[in-house]
Amino acid sequence: MPKPFSIKDFATNARLRWAVLALVLSVVVLIVFIDCLQTENTRCAAISGIVGVMSLCVATWHGLIYIAQRRGGY
């Protein structure tokens, strides 16, 4: 069974880099979303919520493909 994650994979696998980048973006957007809710700015909250959901979907997609590739599937 291969290791679940290694630095070498991060350097050589674009899918893993995209998944990590999308997760970081999701965290930043979550902080913006919370700030928008606290200031009661509904337009900002709606836009940041949509961007947050989209970035989580991208992270999930690339993460699942990365896992499938590691297991020899996809």
Protein backbone atom coordinates (compact mmCIF):
# COMPACT_ATOMS: atom_id res chain seq x y z
CA MET A 1 0.00 0.00 0.00
CA PRO A 2 1.55 3.33 -1.01
CA LYS A 3 1.89 6.19 1.43
CA PRO A 4 -1.16 8.46 1.38
CA PHE A 5 0.88 11.61 0.77
CA SER A 6 4.48 12.55 0.19
CA ILE A 7 6.32 15.76 -0.69
CA LYS A 8 7.58 14.14 -3.90
CA ASP A 9 3.97 13.65 -5.02
CA PHE A 10 3.22 17.29 -4.35
CA ALA A 11 6.18 18.34 -6.49
CA THR A 12 5.37 16.03 -9.39
CA ASN A 13 1.58 15.65 -9.42
CA ALA A 14 -0.47 18.55 -10.77
CA ARG A 15 -3.76 17.11 -9.51
CA LEU A 16 -2.53 17.18 -5.94
CA ARG A 17 -1.31 20.77 -6.32
CA TRP A 18 -4.69 21.84 -7.72
CA ALA A 19 -6.53 20.10 -4.88
CA VAL A 20 -4.39 21.80 -2.21
CA LEU A 21 -4.69 25.18 -3.93
CA ALA A 22 -8.49 24.82 -4.07
CA LEU A 23 -8.60 23.91 -0.38
CA VAL A 24 -6.53 26.97 0.54
CA LEU A 25 -8.83 29.12 -1.60
CA SER A 26 -11.83 27.62 0.19
CA VAL A 27 -10.43 28.61 3.58
CA VAL A 28 -9.78 32.17 2.42
CA VAL A 29 -13.27 32.42 0.92
CA LEU A 30 -14.78 31.06 4.14
CA ILE A 31 -13.09 33.87 6.09
CA VAL A 32 -14.43 36.42 3.59
CA PHE A 33 -17.89 34.82 3.79
CA ILE A 34 -17.97 35.10 7.59
CA ASP A 35 -16.81 38.71 7.40
CA CYS A 36 -19.57 39.49 4.87
CA LEU A 37 -22.18 37.94 7.16
CA GLN A 38 -20.95 39.96 10.13
CA THR A 39 -21.23 43.21 8.17
CA GLU A 40 -24.62 42.10 6.77
CA ASN A 41 -23.45 42.47 3.18
CA THR A 42 -25.67 39.95 1.43
CA ARG A 43 -24.25 40.41 -2.07
CA CYS A 44 -20.72 39.78 -0.82
CA ALA A 45 -21.92 36.76 1.18
CA ALA A 46 -23.74 35.30 -1.83
CA ILE A 47 -20.77 35.68 -4.17
CA SER A 48 -18.24 34.35 -1.67
CA GLY A 49 -20.57 31.44 -0.83
CA ILE A 50 -20.84 30.44 -4.48
CA VAL A 51 -17.07 30.74 -5.00
CA GLY A 52 -16.49 28.71 -1.84
CA VAL A 53 -18.76 25.88 -2.96
CA MET A 54 -17.15 25.84 -6.40
CA SER A 55 -13.64 25.69 -4.95
CA LEU A 56 -14.62 22.84 -2.64
CA CYS A 57 -16.01 20.95 -5.63
CA VAL A 58 -12.75 21.48 -7.53
CA ALA A 59 -10.73 20.30 -4.53
CA THR A 60 -12.89 17.20 -4.16
CA TRP A 61 -12.72 16.38 -7.88
CA HIS A 62 -8.94 16.69 -8.12
CA GLY A 63 -8.44 14.92 -4.80
CA LEU A 64 -10.54 11.94 -5.82
CA ILE A 65 -8.77 11.63 -9.17
CA TYR A 66 -5.41 11.85 -7.38
CA ILE A 67 -6.44 9.02 -5.03
CA ALA A 68 -7.69 6.91 -7.94
CA GLN A 69 -4.42 7.45 -9.81
CA ARG A 70 -2.41 6.44 -6.73
CA ARG A 71 -4.37 3.21 -6.50
CA GLY A 72 -3.79 2.46 -10.16
CA GLY A 73 -7.33 3.06 -11.30
CA TYR A 74 -8.18 6.16 -13.32
